[in-house]
């Protein structure tokens, strides 16, 4: 078996998460957050597509972590992102974090919008 070190280029991986926080690139971020090519910022939740739309030219897909459980995304949120050419995948936040890390390590143009657990 061959083991390779995972590299993320200039991207910021999710190192961990817990009740009310994410650890991103070694730094603790409290509350909901966006991780985009330009860095990490707070996120207003499932009604707030503005930060993602501003990054639409830098990402192909965004994983939306909906908290501890998966839920449907508001139609207007999904439609706005898809109209801007960004694919949207909803999943529970822990799964979204892991999936984001995998695609980030592959060099993909990916973003994460995550609701805190």
N, C-alpha and C. Protein backbone atom coordinates (compact mmCIF):
# COMPACT_ATOMS: atom_id res chain seq x y z
N UNK A 1 0.84 -1.17 0.00
CA UNK A 1 0.00 0.00 0.00
C UNK A 1 0.89 1.24 0.00
N UNK A 2 0.50 2.23 -0.79
CA UNK A 2 1.26 3.47 -0.88
C UNK A 2 0.45 4.59 -0.22
N UNK A 3 1.06 5.29 0.71
CA UNK A 3 0.41 6.42 1.37
C UNK A 3 1.01 7.72 0.87
N UNK A 4 0.16 8.66 0.57
CA UNK A 4 0.61 9.97 0.12
C UNK A 4 0.10 11.03 1.08
N UNK A 5 0.91 12.04 1.29
CA UNK A 5 0.47 13.16 2.11
C UNK A 5 -0.55 13.97 1.31
N UNK A 6 -1.63 14.37 1.98
CA UNK A 6 -2.65 15.17 1.33
C UNK A 6 -2.21 16.63 1.34
N UNK A 7 -2.30 17.27 0.18
CA UNK A 7 -1.99 18.68 0.10
C UNK A 7 -3.22 19.43 -0.41
N UNK A 8 -3.36 20.66 0.03
CA UNK A 8 -4.53 21.45 -0.33
C UNK A 8 -4.16 22.70 -1.13
N UNK A 9 -2.93 22.80 -1.58
CA UNK A 9 -2.52 23.99 -2.31
C UNK A 9 -2.69 25.21 -1.44
N UNK A 10 -3.34 26.22 -1.98
CA UNK A 10 -3.58 27.43 -1.20
C UNK A 10 -4.93 27.39 -0.49
N UNK A 11 -5.69 26.30 -0.66
CA UNK A 11 -6.99 26.17 -0.02
C UNK A 11 -6.90 25.92 1.48
N UNK A 12 -8.00 26.16 2.16
CA UNK A 12 -8.07 25.95 3.60
C UNK A 12 -8.95 24.74 3.91
N UNK A 13 -8.37 23.66 4.43
CA UNK A 13 -9.18 22.48 4.75
C UNK A 13 -9.88 22.65 6.09
N UNK A 14 -10.94 21.87 6.28
CA UNK A 14 -11.61 21.79 7.57
C UNK A 14 -10.87 20.72 8.37
N UNK A 15 -10.23 21.14 9.46
CA UNK A 15 -9.46 20.23 10.30
C UNK A 15 -10.31 19.55 11.35
N UNK A 16 -11.44 20.14 11.70
CA UNK A 16 -12.31 19.57 12.72
C UNK A 16 -13.55 20.42 12.90
N UNK A 17 -14.49 19.91 13.69
CA UNK A 17 -15.73 20.64 13.97
C UNK A 17 -16.32 20.08 15.24
N UNK A 18 -17.18 20.85 15.84
CA UNK A 18 -17.86 20.44 17.07
C UNK A 18 -19.02 21.37 17.32
N UNK A 19 -19.62 21.27 18.49
CA UNK A 19 -20.79 22.12 18.78
C UNK A 19 -20.45 23.61 18.67
N UNK A 20 -20.97 24.26 17.64
CA UNK A 20 -20.83 25.69 17.48
C UNK A 20 -19.54 26.17 16.84
N UNK A 21 -18.66 25.28 16.38
CA UNK A 21 -17.39 25.74 15.80
C UNK A 21 -16.89 24.81 14.70
N UNK A 22 -15.99 25.38 13.88
CA UNK A 22 -15.22 24.64 12.88
C UNK A 22 -13.76 25.01 13.09
N UNK A 23 -12.86 24.09 12.84
CA UNK A 23 -11.42 24.40 12.84
C UNK A 23 -10.98 24.34 11.37
N UNK A 24 -10.61 25.50 10.85
CA UNK A 24 -10.32 25.64 9.42
C UNK A 24 -8.89 26.13 9.26
N UNK A 25 -8.08 25.34 8.60
CA UNK A 25 -6.69 25.72 8.41
C UNK A 25 -5.97 26.00 9.72
N UNK A 26 -6.35 25.28 10.77
CA UNK A 26 -5.72 25.43 12.08
C UNK A 26 -6.32 26.49 12.98
N UNK A 27 -7.28 27.27 12.47
CA UNK A 27 -7.90 28.34 13.25
C UNK A 27 -9.34 27.97 13.60
N UNK A 28 -9.77 28.29 14.81
CA UNK A 28 -11.14 28.02 15.24
C UNK A 28 -12.04 29.15 14.76
N UNK A 29 -13.14 28.78 14.11
CA UNK A 29 -14.15 29.72 13.63
C UNK A 29 -15.46 29.34 14.30
N UNK A 30 -16.07 30.26 15.01
CA UNK A 30 -17.32 29.99 15.71
C UNK A 30 -18.51 30.37 14.83
N UNK A 31 -19.53 29.54 14.83
CA UNK A 31 -20.76 29.82 14.10
C UNK A 31 -20.70 29.36 12.66
N UNK A 32 -21.71 29.76 11.91
CA UNK A 32 -21.84 29.40 10.50
C UNK A 32 -20.72 30.08 9.70
N UNK A 33 -20.22 29.40 8.67
CA UNK A 33 -19.12 30.00 7.91
C UNK A 33 -19.13 29.61 6.45
N UNK A 34 -18.48 30.45 5.67
CA UNK A 34 -18.19 30.19 4.26
C UNK A 34 -16.70 29.99 4.12
N UNK A 35 -16.31 28.98 3.37
CA UNK A 35 -14.90 28.81 3.00
C UNK A 35 -14.86 28.88 1.48
N UNK A 36 -14.20 29.91 1.01
CA UNK A 36 -14.11 30.18 -0.42
C UNK A 36 -12.65 30.43 -0.79
N UNK A 37 -12.32 30.46 -2.06
CA UNK A 37 -10.93 30.70 -2.44
C UNK A 37 -10.34 31.97 -1.82
N UNK A 38 -11.14 32.97 -1.51
CA UNK A 38 -10.65 34.20 -0.91
C UNK A 38 -10.47 34.14 0.59
N UNK A 39 -10.87 33.04 1.23
CA UNK A 39 -10.72 32.90 2.68
C UNK A 39 -12.00 32.46 3.36
N UNK A 40 -12.00 32.65 4.67
CA UNK A 40 -13.12 32.22 5.51
C UNK A 40 -13.85 33.47 6.00
N UNK A 41 -15.17 33.39 6.01
CA UNK A 41 -15.97 34.50 6.53
C UNK A 41 -17.25 33.97 7.17
N UNK A 42 -17.88 34.76 8.01
CA UNK A 42 -19.16 34.35 8.60
C UNK A 42 -20.21 34.20 7.50
N UNK A 43 -21.21 33.38 7.79
CA UNK A 43 -22.29 33.14 6.83
C UNK A 43 -23.62 33.30 7.54
N UNK A 44 -24.56 33.98 6.90
CA UNK A 44 -25.87 34.24 7.48
C UNK A 44 -26.85 33.09 7.41
N UNK A 45 -26.48 31.98 6.82
CA UNK A 45 -27.35 30.81 6.77
C UNK A 45 -28.02 30.61 5.43
N UNK A 46 -29.04 29.78 5.42
CA UNK A 46 -29.65 29.31 4.17
C UNK A 46 -30.38 30.37 3.37
N UNK A 47 -30.57 31.54 3.91
CA UNK A 47 -31.18 32.63 3.14
C UNK A 47 -30.13 33.58 2.58
N UNK A 48 -28.86 33.34 2.87
CA UNK A 48 -27.77 34.26 2.52
C UNK A 48 -26.91 33.67 1.40
N UNK A 49 -27.22 34.04 0.16
CA UNK A 49 -26.44 33.56 -0.98
C UNK A 49 -25.42 34.60 -1.46
N UNK A 50 -25.41 35.78 -0.89
CA UNK A 50 -24.60 36.89 -1.40
C UNK A 50 -23.11 36.55 -1.47
N UNK A 51 -22.53 36.01 -0.42
CA UNK A 51 -21.11 35.69 -0.41
C UNK A 51 -20.75 34.63 -1.44
N UNK A 52 -21.64 33.68 -1.62
CA UNK A 52 -21.41 32.62 -2.61
C UNK A 52 -21.54 33.18 -4.03
N UNK A 53 -22.51 34.04 -4.24
CA UNK A 53 -22.68 34.64 -5.56
C UNK A 53 -21.48 35.51 -5.92
N UNK A 54 -20.92 36.19 -4.95
CA UNK A 54 -19.74 37.03 -5.20
C UNK A 54 -18.53 36.18 -5.60
N UNK A 55 -18.51 34.92 -5.18
CA UNK A 55 -17.39 34.02 -5.50
C UNK A 55 -17.71 33.09 -6.67
N UNK A 56 -18.82 33.30 -7.35
CA UNK A 56 -19.26 32.38 -8.41
C UNK A 56 -18.22 32.19 -9.51
N UNK A 57 -17.44 33.20 -9.78
CA UNK A 57 -16.43 33.07 -10.85
C UNK A 57 -15.23 32.24 -10.40
N UNK A 58 -15.12 31.96 -9.09
CA UNK A 58 -13.96 31.22 -8.57
C UNK A 58 -14.29 29.79 -8.15
N UNK A 59 -15.59 29.42 -8.15
CA UNK A 59 -15.96 28.06 -7.73
C UNK A 59 -16.91 27.43 -8.75
N UNK A 60 -16.83 26.12 -8.84
CA UNK A 60 -17.73 25.37 -9.71
C UNK A 60 -18.86 24.72 -8.92
N UNK A 61 -18.59 24.41 -7.66
CA UNK A 61 -19.58 23.74 -6.82
C UNK A 61 -19.42 24.20 -5.38
N UNK A 62 -20.53 24.27 -4.68
CA UNK A 62 -20.50 24.58 -3.26
C UNK A 62 -21.23 23.46 -2.52
N UNK A 63 -20.61 23.00 -1.45
CA UNK A 63 -21.26 22.04 -0.56
C UNK A 63 -21.88 22.82 0.57
N UNK A 64 -23.16 22.59 0.80
CA UNK A 64 -23.89 23.30 1.84
C UNK A 64 -24.13 22.34 2.98
N UNK A 65 -23.48 22.60 4.10
CA UNK A 65 -23.68 21.81 5.31
C UNK A 65 -24.88 22.36 6.06
N UNK A 66 -25.90 21.54 6.23
CA UNK A 66 -27.17 22.00 6.80
C UNK A 66 -27.29 21.72 8.29
N UNK A 67 -26.17 21.56 8.97
CA UNK A 67 -26.19 21.27 10.41
C UNK A 67 -26.05 19.78 10.65
N UNK A 68 -26.60 19.32 11.75
CA UNK A 68 -26.46 17.92 12.13
C UNK A 68 -27.23 16.98 11.20
N UNK A 69 -28.29 17.46 10.60
CA UNK A 69 -29.13 16.66 9.71
C UNK A 69 -29.22 17.35 8.35
N UNK A 70 -29.43 16.55 7.32
CA UNK A 70 -29.63 17.11 5.99
C UNK A 70 -31.05 17.68 5.91
N UNK A 71 -31.18 18.78 5.18
CA UNK A 71 -32.51 19.35 4.93
C UNK A 71 -32.52 19.94 3.53
N UNK A 72 -33.70 20.23 3.04
CA UNK A 72 -33.81 20.84 1.71
C UNK A 72 -33.39 22.30 1.78
N UNK A 73 -32.76 22.75 0.72
CA UNK A 73 -32.36 24.14 0.63
C UNK A 73 -33.53 24.98 0.13
N UNK A 74 -33.63 26.23 0.57
CA UNK A 74 -34.67 27.11 0.03
C UNK A 74 -34.53 27.22 -1.49
N UNK A 75 -35.64 27.18 -2.19
CA UNK A 75 -35.61 27.22 -3.65
C UNK A 75 -34.90 28.44 -4.21
N UNK A 76 -35.15 29.61 -3.63
CA UNK A 76 -34.54 30.84 -4.13
C UNK A 76 -33.01 30.80 -3.97
N UNK A 77 -32.53 30.22 -2.88
CA UNK A 77 -31.09 30.09 -2.62
C UNK A 77 -30.45 29.22 -3.69
N UNK A 78 -31.02 28.03 -3.92
CA UNK A 78 -30.49 27.10 -4.92
C UNK A 78 -30.57 27.70 -6.32
N UNK A 79 -31.70 28.30 -6.66
CA UNK A 79 -31.89 28.85 -8.00
C UNK A 79 -30.91 29.98 -8.30
N UNK A 80 -30.66 30.84 -7.31
CA UNK A 80 -29.72 31.94 -7.52
C UNK A 80 -28.32 31.42 -7.82
N UNK A 81 -27.87 30.42 -7.07
CA UNK A 81 -26.54 29.87 -7.29
C UNK A 81 -26.44 29.14 -8.62
N UNK A 82 -27.45 28.34 -8.93
CA UNK A 82 -27.42 27.61 -10.19
C UNK A 82 -27.47 28.56 -11.38
N UNK A 83 -28.23 29.66 -11.27
CA UNK A 83 -28.29 30.65 -12.34
C UNK A 83 -26.93 31.32 -12.55
N UNK A 84 -26.12 31.38 -11.49
CA UNK A 84 -24.77 31.96 -11.58
C UNK A 84 -23.74 30.92 -12.03
N UNK A 85 -24.19 29.70 -12.31
CA UNK A 85 -23.28 28.66 -12.81
C UNK A 85 -22.59 27.85 -11.73
N UNK A 86 -23.09 27.91 -10.49
CA UNK A 86 -22.49 27.18 -9.38
C UNK A 86 -23.37 25.97 -9.04
N UNK A 87 -22.77 24.78 -9.06
CA UNK A 87 -23.48 23.59 -8.62
C UNK A 87 -23.66 23.63 -7.11
N UNK A 88 -24.77 23.08 -6.62
CA UNK A 88 -25.09 23.14 -5.20
C UNK A 88 -25.44 21.74 -4.71
N UNK A 89 -24.78 21.30 -3.64
CA UNK A 89 -25.06 20.00 -3.04
C UNK A 89 -25.29 20.20 -1.54
N UNK A 90 -26.47 19.81 -1.08
CA UNK A 90 -26.80 19.90 0.35
C UNK A 90 -26.52 18.58 1.03
N UNK A 91 -25.95 18.66 2.23
CA UNK A 91 -25.69 17.47 3.05
C UNK A 91 -25.47 17.91 4.49
N UNK A 92 -25.50 16.98 5.41
CA UNK A 92 -25.22 17.31 6.80
C UNK A 92 -23.82 17.94 6.87
N UNK A 93 -23.62 18.87 7.81
CA UNK A 93 -22.35 19.60 7.88
C UNK A 93 -21.11 18.70 7.99
N UNK A 94 -21.12 17.64 8.84
CA UNK A 94 -19.92 16.80 8.88
C UNK A 94 -19.57 16.17 7.53
N UNK A 95 -20.58 15.72 6.81
CA UNK A 95 -20.36 15.11 5.50
C UNK A 95 -19.90 16.17 4.50
N UNK A 96 -20.49 17.36 4.57
CA UNK A 96 -20.09 18.45 3.67
C UNK A 96 -18.63 18.82 3.89
N UNK A 97 -18.19 18.86 5.14
CA UNK A 97 -16.79 19.18 5.44
C UNK A 97 -15.85 18.15 4.85
N UNK A 98 -16.17 16.88 5.03
CA UNK A 98 -15.30 15.83 4.50
C UNK A 98 -15.26 15.84 2.97
N UNK A 99 -16.43 16.02 2.35
CA UNK A 99 -16.50 16.04 0.89
C UNK A 99 -15.75 17.24 0.34
N UNK A 100 -15.91 18.39 0.97
CA UNK A 100 -15.17 19.60 0.58
C UNK A 100 -13.67 19.33 0.63
N UNK A 101 -13.19 18.73 1.72
CA UNK A 101 -11.75 18.45 1.85
C UNK A 101 -11.24 17.56 0.73
N UNK A 102 -12.01 16.54 0.38
CA UNK A 102 -11.59 15.61 -0.68
C UNK A 102 -11.45 16.34 -2.01
N UNK A 103 -12.47 17.11 -2.38
CA UNK A 103 -12.40 17.82 -3.66
C UNK A 103 -11.34 18.91 -3.64
N UNK A 104 -11.16 19.57 -2.50
CA UNK A 104 -10.10 20.57 -2.37
C UNK A 104 -8.73 19.94 -2.59
N UNK A 105 -8.52 18.74 -2.04
CA UNK A 105 -7.23 18.05 -2.21
C UNK A 105 -6.99 17.63 -3.65
N UNK A 106 -8.05 17.52 -4.44
CA UNK A 106 -7.93 17.19 -5.86
C UNK A 106 -7.70 18.43 -6.72
N UNK A 107 -7.67 19.60 -6.07
CA UNK A 107 -7.44 20.83 -6.81
C UNK A 107 -8.68 21.39 -7.47
N UNK A 108 -9.86 20.92 -7.06
CA UNK A 108 -11.11 21.38 -7.65
C UNK A 108 -11.48 22.78 -7.16
N UNK A 109 -12.28 23.49 -7.92
CA UNK A 109 -12.76 24.84 -7.57
C UNK A 109 -14.02 24.69 -6.75
N UNK A 110 -13.85 24.59 -5.44
CA UNK A 110 -14.93 24.21 -4.55
C UNK A 110 -15.07 25.20 -3.40
N UNK A 111 -16.30 25.32 -2.90
CA UNK A 111 -16.56 26.15 -1.73
C UNK A 111 -17.39 25.38 -0.73
N UNK A 112 -17.42 25.87 0.50
CA UNK A 112 -18.20 25.25 1.56
C UNK A 112 -18.98 26.34 2.28
N UNK A 113 -20.27 26.10 2.46
CA UNK A 113 -21.13 26.94 3.29
C UNK A 113 -21.67 26.01 4.36
N UNK A 114 -21.33 26.27 5.61
CA UNK A 114 -21.66 25.28 6.65
C UNK A 114 -22.36 25.93 7.84
N UNK A 115 -23.50 25.33 8.22
CA UNK A 115 -24.18 25.70 9.45
C UNK A 115 -23.52 24.95 10.59
N UNK A 116 -23.25 25.65 11.68
CA UNK A 116 -22.62 25.03 12.83
C UNK A 116 -23.54 23.97 13.43
N UNK A 117 -22.93 22.98 14.04
CA UNK A 117 -23.70 21.90 14.68
C UNK A 117 -24.28 22.36 15.99
